[in-house]
Amino acid sequence: MGAKTASRLSATLLVCLAAVAGPWTSAAADPAAWRLQGKNGGEVTLLGSVHVLRAADYPLPPSVDALFERAQILVMELDLDDVDAVVQQGVILKAATLAQGRVLRDVVDGSVYRLAEQRSTELGVNLTLLEHFEPWFVAVTMLDQGMRKLGFQPERGLEQYLVGKSRRAGKEILGLETLAMQIGIFDALPPSSQQAMLEQTLQELDEAEMAMVDLTVAWRDGRLETLSEELLDDFDAFPGLYDTLVTERNTAWVGALERFLRDGRRYLVVVGALHLVGRNNVIDMLTARGHDIVRLN
């Protein structure tokens, strides 16, 4: 996989699970959103998200606030308002810890481990603290630290912004899945894919800024179709990952969205952008089930 593709994979993971110096200069500042109406007044609005942003990415487009104000309930991939830090840590530790007696250098090639040592030093990460974790978790940790070094933070992501608004407005927040379900996606990767994920993340951290710039500008401009065309190729090195990370989750979400539509309330559903425009996306699945979906301008 080429350098550009590899660097984009790291950014893609952020988009799915899921920004450069200076203010935005885009003319079409409206993230893509879709709406479907229920027979009894129920409404579901789907808004594509990028999960990490920088301080410089604010203020967000006014359309984001308008969609929030219209909704009665906020729905995200995870209910970020109901995450217990202790429970969260326990779930992650249980899934990400290597078998007793094994450490990271035992499960990756020597060249990959040496690269991890080099990158951890550059990022100020103590690799010793990650020795007992599986390669996928080390990759995610290194990516998170690399993004933070560049100013991209989950705390500034769209979801956290909307969670704050929901708390202040007293609006209900729901999640489509649990943390254990999301962690299980990566934990289920075979060892070879986990090593490839770690190696490519480490190799391409220097190029991740430009990848995130491209992705976030496309999101903000509502150019998700262009975004998806570029991102779909990124999964070629990880057979089966797209089905697990995107298609299977989309299929599970459709049922929940239809239940929301029937209860007569207005929902704003915020999910990673690729879930709305990639192969087997949520929009196409709902359309195939007979729903009339309108792309908002």
C-alpha atoms as a PDB file:
ATOM      1  CA  MET A   1       0.000   0.000   0.000  1.00  0.00           C
ATOM      2  CA  GLY A   2       1.411   3.408  -0.978  1.00  0.00           C
ATOM      3  CA  ALA A   3       2.381   6.150   1.426  1.00  0.00           C
ATOM      4  CA  LYS A   4      -0.648   8.309   0.669  1.00  0.00           C
ATOM      5  CA  THR A   5      -3.028   5.386   1.073  1.00  0.00           C
ATOM      6  CA  ALA A   6      -1.388   4.238   4.289  1.00  0.00           C
ATOM      7  CA  SER A   7      -1.540   7.686   5.824  1.00  0.00           C
ATOM      8  CA  ARG A   8      -5.180   7.947   4.832  1.00  0.00           C
ATOM      9  CA  LEU A   9      -5.982   4.644   6.544  1.00  0.00           C
ATOM     10  CA  SER A  10      -5.096   6.127   9.917  1.00  0.00           C
ATOM     11  CA  ALA A  11      -7.338   9.076   9.201  1.00  0.00           C
ATOM     12  CA  THR A  12     -10.033   6.734   7.901  1.00  0.00           C
ATOM     13  CA  LEU A  13     -10.120   4.901  11.218  1.00  0.00           C
ATOM     14  CA  LEU A  14     -10.825   8.215  12.889  1.00  0.00           C
ATOM     15  CA  VAL A  15     -13.536   9.037  10.385  1.00  0.00           C
ATOM     16  CA  CYS A  16     -15.220   5.701  10.914  1.00  0.00           C
ATOM     17  CA  LEU A  17     -15.120   5.250  14.687  1.00  0.00           C
ATOM     18  CA  ALA A  18     -15.375   8.694  14.584  1.00  0.00           C
ATOM     19  CA  ALA A  19      -8.295  19.691  10.231  1.00  0.00           C
ATOM     20  CA  VAL A  20      -4.590  22.680   9.433  1.00  0.00           C
ATOM     21  CA  ALA A  21      -3.471  25.958  10.634  1.00  0.00           C
ATOM     22  CA  GLY A  22      -5.507  29.011   9.788  1.00  0.00           C
ATOM     23  CA  PRO A  23      -9.231  29.636   9.403  1.00  0.00           C
ATOM     24  CA  TRP A  24     -11.415  27.823   6.912  1.00  0.00           C
ATOM     25  CA  THR A  25     -11.767  29.511   3.540  1.00  0.00           C
ATOM     26  CA  SER A  26     -14.301  27.144   1.995  1.00  0.00           C
ATOM     27  CA  ALA A  27     -17.294  28.711   0.298  1.00  0.00           C
ATOM     28  CA  ALA A  28     -19.704  25.794   0.764  1.00  0.00           C
ATOM     29  CA  ALA A  29     -19.525  25.300   4.515  1.00  0.00           C
ATOM     30  CA  ASP A  30     -22.335  22.797   5.036  1.00  0.00           C
ATOM     31  CA  PRO A  31     -21.584  19.234   6.198  1.00  0.00           C
ATOM     32  CA  ALA A  32     -23.734  16.666   4.428  1.00  0.00           C
ATOM     33  CA  ALA A  33     -27.004  15.685   6.122  1.00  0.00           C
ATOM     34  CA  TRP A  34     -30.068  13.632   5.184  1.00  0.00           C
ATOM     35  CA  ARG A  35     -33.595  13.529   6.615  1.00  0.00           C
ATOM     36  CA  LEU A  36     -36.388  10.973   6.608  1.00  0.00           C
ATOM     37  CA  GLN A  37     -39.909  11.474   7.942  1.00  0.00           C
ATOM     38  CA  GLY A  38     -42.145   8.987   9.744  1.00  0.00           C
ATOM     39  CA  LYS A  39     -45.898   8.677   9.246  1.00  0.00           C
ATOM     40  CA  ASN A  40     -46.710   9.962  12.739  1.00  0.00           C
ATOM     41  CA  GLY A  41     -44.465  13.027  12.708  1.00  0.00           C
ATOM     42  CA  GLY A  42     -41.289  11.209  13.668  1.00  0.00           C
ATOM     43  CA  GLU A  43     -38.103  12.454  12.053  1.00  0.00           C
ATOM     44  CA  VAL A  44     -34.535  11.218  11.739  1.00  0.00           C
ATOM     45  CA  THR A  45     -31.788  13.512  10.483  1.00  0.00           C
ATOM     46  CA  LEU A  46     -28.452  11.875   9.693  1.00  0.00           C
ATOM     47  CA  LEU A  47     -25.322  14.025   9.945  1.00  0.00           C
ATOM     48  CA  GLY A  48     -21.885  12.786   8.901  1.00  0.00           C
ATOM     49  CA  SER A  49     -19.102  13.452  11.377  1.00  0.00           C
ATOM     50  CA  VAL A  50     -15.353  13.654  11.764  1.00  0.00           C
ATOM     51  CA  HIS A  51     -14.516  12.594  15.291  1.00  0.00           C
ATOM     52  CA  VAL A  52     -11.480  14.850  15.888  1.00  0.00           C
ATOM     53  CA  LEU A  53     -11.098  18.569  15.243  1.00  0.00           C
ATOM     54  CA  ARG A  54      -8.796  21.447  16.242  1.00  0.00           C
ATOM     55  CA  ALA A  55      -9.486  24.700  17.991  1.00  0.00           C
ATOM     56  CA  ALA A  56      -8.895  26.421  14.633  1.00  0.00           C
ATOM     57  CA  ASP A  57     -11.835  24.498  13.122  1.00  0.00           C
ATOM     58  CA  TYR A  58     -14.293  26.521  15.194  1.00  0.00           C
ATOM     59  CA  PRO A  59     -16.791  28.003  14.871  1.00  0.00           C
ATOM     60  CA  LEU A  60     -18.522  25.141  13.095  1.00  0.00           C
ATOM     61  CA  PRO A  61     -20.891  25.842  10.214  1.00  0.00           C
ATOM     62  CA  PRO A  62     -24.233  27.339  11.392  1.00  0.00           C
ATOM     63  CA  SER A  63     -26.078  24.399   9.857  1.00  0.00           C
ATOM     64  CA  VAL A  64     -24.751  22.150  12.639  1.00  0.00           C
ATOM     65  CA  ASP A  65     -26.382  24.292  15.319  1.00  0.00           C
ATOM     66  CA  ALA A  66     -29.590  24.553  13.272  1.00  0.00           C
ATOM     67  CA  LEU A  67     -29.862  20.769  12.994  1.00  0.00           C
ATOM     68  CA  PHE A  68     -29.247  20.421  16.720  1.00  0.00           C
ATOM     69  CA  GLU A  69     -31.875  23.011  17.651  1.00  0.00           C
ATOM     70  CA  ARG A  70     -34.503  21.238  15.536  1.00  0.00           C
ATOM     71  CA  ALA A  71     -33.891  17.849  17.177  1.00  0.00           C
ATOM     72  CA  GLN A  72     -35.353  16.650  20.454  1.00  0.00           C
ATOM     73  CA  ILE A  73     -32.876  13.793  20.935  1.00  0.00           C
ATOM     74  CA  LEU A  74     -29.202  13.426  20.031  1.00  0.00           C
ATOM     75  CA  VAL A  75     -27.980   9.994  18.896  1.00  0.00           C
ATOM     76  CA  MET A  76     -24.326   9.024  18.386  1.00  0.00           C
ATOM     77  CA  GLU A  77     -22.393   5.847  17.794  1.00  0.00           C
ATOM     78  CA  LEU A  78     -21.704   5.820  21.548  1.00  0.00           C
ATOM     79  CA  ASP A  79     -23.613   7.604  24.275  1.00  0.00           C
ATOM     80  CA  LEU A  80     -20.679   9.809  25.288  1.00  0.00           C
ATOM     81  CA  ASP A  81     -22.722  11.296  28.112  1.00  0.00           C
ATOM     82  CA  ASP A  82     -23.012   7.931  29.834  1.00  0.00           C
ATOM     83  CA  VAL A  83     -19.443   6.612  29.731  1.00  0.00           C
ATOM     84  CA  ASP A  84     -18.049   5.643  33.116  1.00  0.00           C
ATOM     85  CA  ALA A  85     -14.271   6.123  32.999  1.00  0.00           C
ATOM     86  CA  VAL A  86     -13.570   3.169  35.299  1.00  0.00           C
ATOM     87  CA  VAL A  87     -15.854   0.833  33.358  1.00  0.00           C
ATOM     88  CA  GLN A  88     -14.412   2.105  30.088  1.00  0.00           C
ATOM     89  CA  GLN A  89     -10.884   1.388  31.242  1.00  0.00           C
ATOM     90  CA  GLY A  90     -11.881  -2.106  32.313  1.00  0.00           C
ATOM     91  CA  VAL A  91     -13.452  -2.908  28.947  1.00  0.00           C
ATOM     92  CA  ILE A  92     -10.374  -1.709  27.072  1.00  0.00           C
ATOM     93  CA  LEU A  93      -7.890  -3.489  29.327  1.00  0.00           C
ATOM     94  CA  LYS A  94      -9.779  -6.764  29.053  1.00  0.00           C
ATOM     95  CA  ALA A  95      -9.849  -6.645  25.265  1.00  0.00           C
ATOM     96  CA  ALA A  96      -6.437  -5.133  24.541  1.00  0.00           C
ATOM     97  CA  THR A  97      -4.155  -6.982  26.977  1.00  0.00           C
ATOM     98  CA  LEU A  98      -1.884  -9.662  25.530  1.00  0.00           C
ATOM     99  CA  ALA A  99      -1.924 -13.190  26.919  1.00  0.00           C
ATOM    100  CA  GLN A 100      -0.070 -13.571  30.192  1.00  0.00           C
ATOM    101  CA  GLY A 101       3.682 -13.821  29.731  1.00  0.00           C
ATOM    102  CA  ARG A 102       3.717 -12.143  26.300  1.00  0.00           C
ATOM    103  CA  VAL A 103       4.785  -8.608  25.459  1.00  0.00           C
ATOM    104  CA  LEU A 104       4.632  -6.453  22.346  1.00  0.00           C
ATOM    105  CA  ARG A 105       8.077  -7.422  21.064  1.00  0.00           C
ATOM    106  CA  ASP A 106       6.933 -11.071  21.104  1.00  0.00           C
ATOM    107  CA  VAL A 107       4.060 -10.492  18.679  1.00  0.00           C
ATOM    108  CA  VAL A 108       5.515  -8.070  16.085  1.00  0.00           C
ATOM    109  CA  ASP A 109       8.576  -8.192  13.859  1.00  0.00           C
ATOM    110  CA  GLY A 110      11.762  -6.656  15.190  1.00  0.00           C
ATOM    111  CA  SER A 111      11.691  -3.864  12.609  1.00  0.00           C
ATOM    112  CA  VAL A 112       8.163  -2.899  13.666  1.00  0.00           C
ATOM    113  CA  TYR A 113       9.108  -2.885  17.325  1.00  0.00           C
ATOM    114  CA  ARG A 114      12.151  -0.694  16.651  1.00  0.00           C
ATOM    115  CA  LEU A 115       9.931   1.712  14.727  1.00  0.00           C
ATOM    116  CA  ALA A 116       7.537   1.772  17.699  1.00  0.00           C
ATOM    117  CA  GLU A 117      10.457   2.642  19.974  1.00  0.00           C
ATOM    118  CA  GLN A 118      11.502   5.480  17.667  1.00  0.00           C
ATOM    119  CA  ARG A 119       8.008   6.916  17.307  1.00  0.00           C
ATOM    120  CA  SER A 120       7.197   6.636  20.993  1.00  0.00           C
ATOM    121  CA  THR A 121      10.298   8.670  21.808  1.00  0.00           C
ATOM    122  CA  GLU A 122       9.312  11.336  19.270  1.00  0.00           C
ATOM    123  CA  LEU A 123       5.774  11.516  20.662  1.00  0.00           C
ATOM    124  CA  GLY A 124       6.788  11.463  24.301  1.00  0.00           C
ATOM    125  CA  VAL A 125       5.059   8.125  24.882  1.00  0.00           C
ATOM    126  CA  ASN A 126       6.539   5.627  27.346  1.00  0.00           C
ATOM    127  CA  LEU A 127       6.512   2.425  25.300  1.00  0.00           C
ATOM    128  CA  THR A 128       7.111   0.388  28.450  1.00  0.00           C
ATOM    129  CA  LEU A 129       3.566   1.237  29.520  1.00  0.00           C
ATOM    130  CA  LEU A 130       2.268  -0.312  26.271  1.00  0.00           C
ATOM    131  CA  GLU A 131       4.355  -3.498  26.346  1.00  0.00           C
ATOM    132  CA  HIS A 132       1.491  -5.706  27.477  1.00  0.00           C
ATOM    133  CA  PHE A 133      -1.040  -4.506  24.898  1.00  0.00           C
ATOM    134  CA  GLU A 134      -1.991  -5.871  21.499  1.00  0.00           C
ATOM    135  CA  PRO A 135      -0.655  -4.116  18.366  1.00  0.00           C
ATOM    136  CA  TRP A 136      -4.046  -2.609  17.433  1.00  0.00           C
ATOM    137  CA  PHE A 137      -4.208  -0.793  20.767  1.00  0.00           C
ATOM    138  CA  VAL A 138      -0.648   0.471  20.433  1.00  0.00           C
ATOM    139  CA  ALA A 139      -1.533   1.744  16.943  1.00  0.00           C
ATOM    140  CA  VAL A 140      -4.614   3.585  18.212  1.00  0.00           C
ATOM    141  CA  THR A 141      -2.641   5.064  21.124  1.00  0.00           C
ATOM    142  CA  MET A 142       0.183   6.252  18.873  1.00  0.00           C
ATOM    143  CA  LEU A 143      -2.296   7.697  16.394  1.00  0.00           C
ATOM    144  CA  ASP A 144      -4.130   9.531  19.163  1.00  0.00           C
ATOM    145  CA  GLN A 145      -0.890  11.018  20.467  1.00  0.00           C
ATOM    146  CA  GLY A 146       0.236  11.941  16.964  1.00  0.00           C
ATOM    147  CA  MET A 147      -3.062  13.679  16.269  1.00  0.00           C
ATOM    148  CA  ARG A 148      -2.913  15.541  19.570  1.00  0.00           C
ATOM    149  CA  LYS A 149       0.578  16.738  18.743  1.00  0.00           C
ATOM    150  CA  LEU A 150      -0.870  18.227  15.562  1.00  0.00           C
ATOM    151  CA  GLY A 151      -3.763  19.769  17.494  1.00  0.00           C
ATOM    152  CA  PHE A 152      -6.527  17.307  16.519  1.00  0.00           C
ATOM    153  CA  GLN A 153      -8.440  16.217  19.616  1.00  0.00           C
ATOM    154  CA  PRO A 154     -11.506  14.044  20.252  1.00  0.00           C
ATOM    155  CA  GLU A 155     -12.503  16.582  22.907  1.00  0.00           C
ATOM    156  CA  ARG A 156     -12.973  19.106  20.103  1.00  0.00           C
ATOM    157  CA  GLY A 157     -14.750  16.691  17.788  1.00  0.00           C
ATOM    158  CA  LEU A 158     -18.292  17.211  16.567  1.00  0.00           C
ATOM    159  CA  GLU A 159     -19.737  14.666  18.990  1.00  0.00           C
ATOM    160  CA  GLN A 160     -18.283  16.319  22.073  1.00  0.00           C
ATOM    161  CA  TYR A 161     -19.457  19.705  20.847  1.00  0.00           C
ATOM    162  CA  LEU A 162     -23.010  18.397  20.526  1.00  0.00           C
ATOM    163  CA  VAL A 163     -22.831  16.553  23.842  1.00  0.00           C
ATOM    164  CA  GLY A 164     -22.023  19.848  25.534  1.00  0.00           C
ATOM    165  CA  LYS A 165     -24.949  21.560  23.844  1.00  0.00           C
ATOM    166  CA  SER A 166     -27.257  18.676  24.801  1.00  0.00           C
ATOM    167  CA  ARG A 167     -26.265  18.868  28.452  1.00  0.00           C
ATOM    168  CA  ARG A 168     -26.900  22.590  28.572  1.00  0.00           C
ATOM    169  CA  ALA A 169     -30.240  22.214  26.800  1.00  0.00           C
ATOM    170  CA  GLY A 170     -31.301  19.161  28.809  1.00  0.00           C
ATOM    171  CA  LYS A 171     -31.733  17.017  25.700  1.00  0.00           C
ATOM    172  CA  GLU A 172     -31.616  13.237  25.847  1.00  0.00           C
ATOM    173  CA  ILE A 173     -28.542  11.498  24.408  1.00  0.00           C
ATOM    174  CA  LEU A 174     -28.586   7.941  23.048  1.00  0.00           C
ATOM    175  CA  GLY A 175     -25.977   5.574  21.609  1.00  0.00           C
ATOM    176  CA  LEU A 176     -26.302   3.103  18.739  1.00  0.00           C
ATOM    177  CA  GLU A 177     -23.786   0.665  20.207  1.00  0.00           C
ATOM    178  CA  THR A 178     -21.557  -0.012  23.202  1.00  0.00           C
ATOM    179  CA  LEU A 179     -17.861   0.566  23.765  1.00  0.00           C
ATOM    180  CA  ALA A 180     -17.341  -3.198  23.969  1.00  0.00           C
ATOM    181  CA  MET A 181     -18.805  -3.588  20.490  1.00  0.00           C
ATOM    182  CA  GLN A 182     -16.474  -0.953  19.049  1.00  0.00           C
ATOM    183  CA  ILE A 183     -13.378  -2.298  20.785  1.00  0.00           C
ATOM    184  CA  GLY A 184     -14.253  -5.803  19.611  1.00  0.00           C
ATOM    185  CA  ILE A 185     -13.895  -4.760  15.974  1.00  0.00           C
ATOM    186  CA  PHE A 186     -10.169  -4.149  16.365  1.00  0.00           C
ATOM    187  CA  ASP A 187      -9.583  -6.882  18.892  1.00  0.00           C
ATOM    188  CA  ALA A 188     -10.927  -9.416  16.382  1.00  0.00           C
ATOM    189  CA  LEU A 189      -8.331  -8.500  13.739  1.00  0.00           C
ATOM    190  CA  PRO A 190      -5.874 -11.352  13.044  1.00  0.00           C
ATOM    191  CA  PRO A 191      -2.289 -10.840  14.250  1.00  0.00           C
ATOM    192  CA  SER A 192      -0.981 -10.095  10.747  1.00  0.00           C
ATOM    193  CA  SER A 193      -3.533  -7.318  10.228  1.00  0.00           C
ATOM    194  CA  GLN A 194      -2.840  -5.881  13.657  1.00  0.00           C
ATOM    195  CA  GLN A 195       0.880  -5.704  12.892  1.00  0.00           C
ATOM    196  CA  ALA A 196       0.188  -4.122   9.487  1.00  0.00           C
ATOM    197  CA  MET A 197      -2.089  -1.575  11.116  1.00  0.00           C
ATOM    198  CA  LEU A 198       0.586  -0.691  13.682  1.00  0.00           C
ATOM    199  CA  GLU A 199       3.410  -0.530  11.154  1.00  0.00           C
ATOM    200  CA  GLN A 200       1.540   1.668   8.696  1.00  0.00           C
ATOM    201  CA  THR A 201       0.290   3.981  11.418  1.00  0.00           C
ATOM    202  CA  LEU A 202       3.831   4.453  12.701  1.00  0.00           C
ATOM    203  CA  GLN A 203       5.283   4.960   9.219  1.00  0.00           C
ATOM    204  CA  GLU A 204       2.739   7.523   8.119  1.00  0.00           C
ATOM    205  CA  LEU A 205       2.281   9.698  11.192  1.00  0.00           C
ATOM    206  CA  ASP A 206       4.319  12.418   9.481  1.00  0.00           C
ATOM    207  CA  GLU A 207       1.780  12.554   6.655  1.00  0.00           C
ATOM    208  CA  ALA A 208      -1.328  12.229   8.803  1.00  0.00           C
ATOM    209  CA  GLU A 209      -1.814  15.992   9.047  1.00  0.00           C
ATOM    210  CA  MET A 210      -2.358  16.399   5.305  1.00  0.00           C
ATOM    211  CA  ALA A 211      -4.661  13.368   5.257  1.00  0.00           C
ATOM    212  CA  MET A 212      -6.781  14.839   8.035  1.00  0.00           C
ATOM    213  CA  VAL A 213      -6.836  18.198   6.288  1.00  0.00           C
ATOM    214  CA  ASP A 214      -8.239  16.603   3.137  1.00  0.00           C
ATOM    215  CA  LEU A 215     -10.784  14.548   5.041  1.00  0.00           C
ATOM    216  CA  THR A 216     -12.011  17.354   7.238  1.00  0.00           C
ATOM    217  CA  VAL A 217     -12.283  19.908   4.451  1.00  0.00           C
ATOM    218  CA  ALA A 218     -14.299  17.395   2.417  1.00  0.00           C
ATOM    219  CA  TRP A 219     -16.549  16.805   5.437  1.00  0.00           C
ATOM    220  CA  ARG A 220     -17.090  20.483   6.096  1.00  0.00           C
ATOM    221  CA  ASP A 221     -17.867  21.163   2.432  1.00  0.00           C
ATOM    222  CA  GLY A 222     -20.364  18.293   2.247  1.00  0.00           C
ATOM    223  CA  ARG A 223     -18.240  16.485  -0.355  1.00  0.00           C
ATOM    224  CA  LEU A 224     -18.683  13.078   1.226  1.00  0.00           C
ATOM    225  CA  GLU A 225     -18.965  11.268  -2.100  1.00  0.00           C
ATOM    226  CA  THR A 226     -15.488  12.472  -3.046  1.00  0.00           C
ATOM    227  CA  LEU A 227     -14.351  11.534   0.423  1.00  0.00           C
ATOM    228  CA  SER A 228     -15.698   7.991   0.162  1.00  0.00           C
ATOM    229  CA  GLU A 229     -14.084   7.326  -3.208  1.00  0.00           C
ATOM    230  CA  GLU A 230     -10.693   8.078  -1.720  1.00  0.00           C
ATOM    231  CA  LEU A 231     -11.273   6.218   1.538  1.00  0.00           C
ATOM    232  CA  LEU A 232     -12.642   2.965   0.188  1.00  0.00           C
ATOM    233  CA  ASP A 233      -9.305   2.006  -1.352  1.00  0.00           C
ATOM    234  CA  ASP A 234      -7.685   2.303   2.068  1.00  0.00           C
ATOM    235  CA  PHE A 235      -9.217  -0.978   3.232  1.00  0.00           C
ATOM    236  CA  ASP A 236      -7.565  -3.150   0.562  1.00  0.00           C
ATOM    237  CA  ALA A 237      -4.697  -4.119   2.853  1.00  0.00           C
ATOM    238  CA  PHE A 238      -7.135  -5.311   5.534  1.00  0.00           C
ATOM    239  CA  PRO A 239      -9.470  -7.945   4.052  1.00  0.00           C
ATOM    240  CA  GLY A 240     -12.802  -8.065   5.823  1.00  0.00           C
ATOM    241  CA  LEU A 241     -12.219  -4.899   7.847  1.00  0.00           C
ATOM    242  CA  TYR A 242     -14.698  -2.820   5.843  1.00  0.00           C
ATOM    243  CA  ASP A 243     -17.456  -5.372   6.368  1.00  0.00           C
ATOM    244  CA  THR A 244     -16.759  -5.452  10.103  1.00  0.00           C
ATOM    245  CA  LEU A 245     -16.082  -1.761  10.615  1.00  0.00           C
ATOM    246  CA  VAL A 246     -18.786  -0.385   8.338  1.00  0.00           C
ATOM    247  CA  THR A 247     -21.252  -2.763   6.647  1.00  0.00           C
ATOM    248  CA  GLU A 248     -22.206  -4.909   9.645  1.00  0.00           C
ATOM    249  CA  ARG A 249     -22.616  -1.874  11.880  1.00  0.00           C
ATOM    250  CA  ASN A 250     -24.718  -0.083   9.269  1.00  0.00           C
ATOM    251  CA  THR A 251     -27.009  -3.097   9.047  1.00  0.00           C
ATOM    252  CA  ALA A 252     -27.468  -3.119  12.817  1.00  0.00           C
ATOM    253  CA  TRP A 253     -28.138   0.623  12.913  1.00  0.00           C
ATOM    254  CA  VAL A 254     -30.919   0.537  10.317  1.00  0.00           C
ATOM    255  CA  GLY A 255     -33.279  -1.264  12.684  1.00  0.00           C
ATOM    256  CA  ALA A 256     -32.631   1.259  15.442  1.00  0.00           C
ATOM    257  CA  LEU A 257     -33.206   4.182  13.058  1.00  0.00           C
ATOM    258  CA  GLU A 258     -36.542   2.734  11.982  1.00  0.00           C
ATOM    259  CA  ARG A 259     -37.599   2.440  15.621  1.00  0.00           C
ATOM    260  CA  PHE A 260     -36.699   6.087  16.168  1.00  0.00           C
ATOM    261  CA  LEU A 261     -38.763   7.041  13.137  1.00  0.00           C
ATOM    262  CA  ARG A 262     -41.882   5.369  14.545  1.00  0.00           C
ATOM    263  CA  ASP A 263     -42.012   7.063  17.946  1.00  0.00           C
ATOM    264  CA  GLY A 264     -43.039  10.532  16.764  1.00  0.00           C
ATOM    265  CA  ARG A 265     -39.989  12.454  18.005  1.00  0.00           C
ATOM    266  CA  ARG A 266     -37.206  14.282  16.145  1.00  0.00           C
ATOM    267  CA  TYR A 267     -33.744  12.711  16.262  1.00  0.00           C
ATOM    268  CA  LEU A 268     -30.357  14.037  15.153  1.00  0.00           C
ATOM    269  CA  VAL A 269     -28.138  11.018  14.447  1.00  0.00           C
ATOM    270  CA  VAL A 270     -24.414  11.784  14.185  1.00  0.00           C
ATOM    271  CA  VAL A 271     -22.159   9.027  12.823  1.00  0.00           C
ATOM    272  CA  GLY A 272     -18.833   8.743  11.018  1.00  0.00           C
ATOM    273  CA  ALA A 273     -19.063  10.147   7.505  1.00  0.00           C
ATOM    274  CA  LEU A 274     -18.158   6.929   5.707  1.00  0.00           C
ATOM    275  CA  HIS A 275     -21.258   5.222   7.115  1.00  0.00           C
ATOM    276  CA  LEU A 276     -23.416   7.550   5.012  1.00  0.00           C
ATOM    277  CA  VAL A 277     -21.704   7.438   1.608  1.00  0.00           C
ATOM    278  CA  GLY A 278     -19.491   4.364   1.295  1.00  0.00           C
ATOM    279  CA  ARG A 279     -20.351   0.883   0.059  1.00  0.00           C
ATOM    280  CA  ASN A 280     -23.457  -0.537   1.751  1.00  0.00           C
ATOM    281  CA  ASN A 281     -24.083   2.798   3.443  1.00  0.00           C
ATOM    282  CA  VAL A 282     -26.971   3.576   5.782  1.00  0.00           C
ATOM    283  CA  ILE A 283     -28.686   5.890   3.287  1.00  0.00           C
ATOM    284  CA  ASP A 284     -28.816   3.198   0.600  1.00  0.00           C
ATOM    285  CA  MET A 285     -29.969   0.578   3.100  1.00  0.00           C
ATOM    286  CA  LEU A 286     -32.850   2.759   4.293  1.00  0.00           C
ATOM    287  CA  THR A 287     -33.809   3.652   0.715  1.00  0.00           C
ATOM    288  CA  ALA A 288     -33.889  -0.045  -0.190  1.00  0.00           C
ATOM    289  CA  ARG A 289     -36.339  -0.574   2.680  1.00  0.00           C
ATOM    290  CA  GLY A 290     -38.741   1.945   1.167  1.00  0.00           C
ATOM    291  CA  HIS A 291     -37.882   5.108   3.050  1.00  0.00           C
ATOM    292  CA  ASP A 292     -37.951   8.455   1.245  1.00  0.00           C
ATOM    293  CA  ILE A 293     -34.732  10.232   2.212  1.00  0.00           C
ATOM    294  CA  VAL A 294     -33.980  13.860   1.350  1.00  0.00           C
ATOM    295  CA  ARG A 295     -30.461  15.297   1.126  1.00  0.00           C
ATOM    296  CA  LEU A 296     -30.506  18.635   2.965  1.00  0.00           C
ATOM    297  CA  ASN A 297     -29.011  21.776   1.436  1.00  0.00           C
END
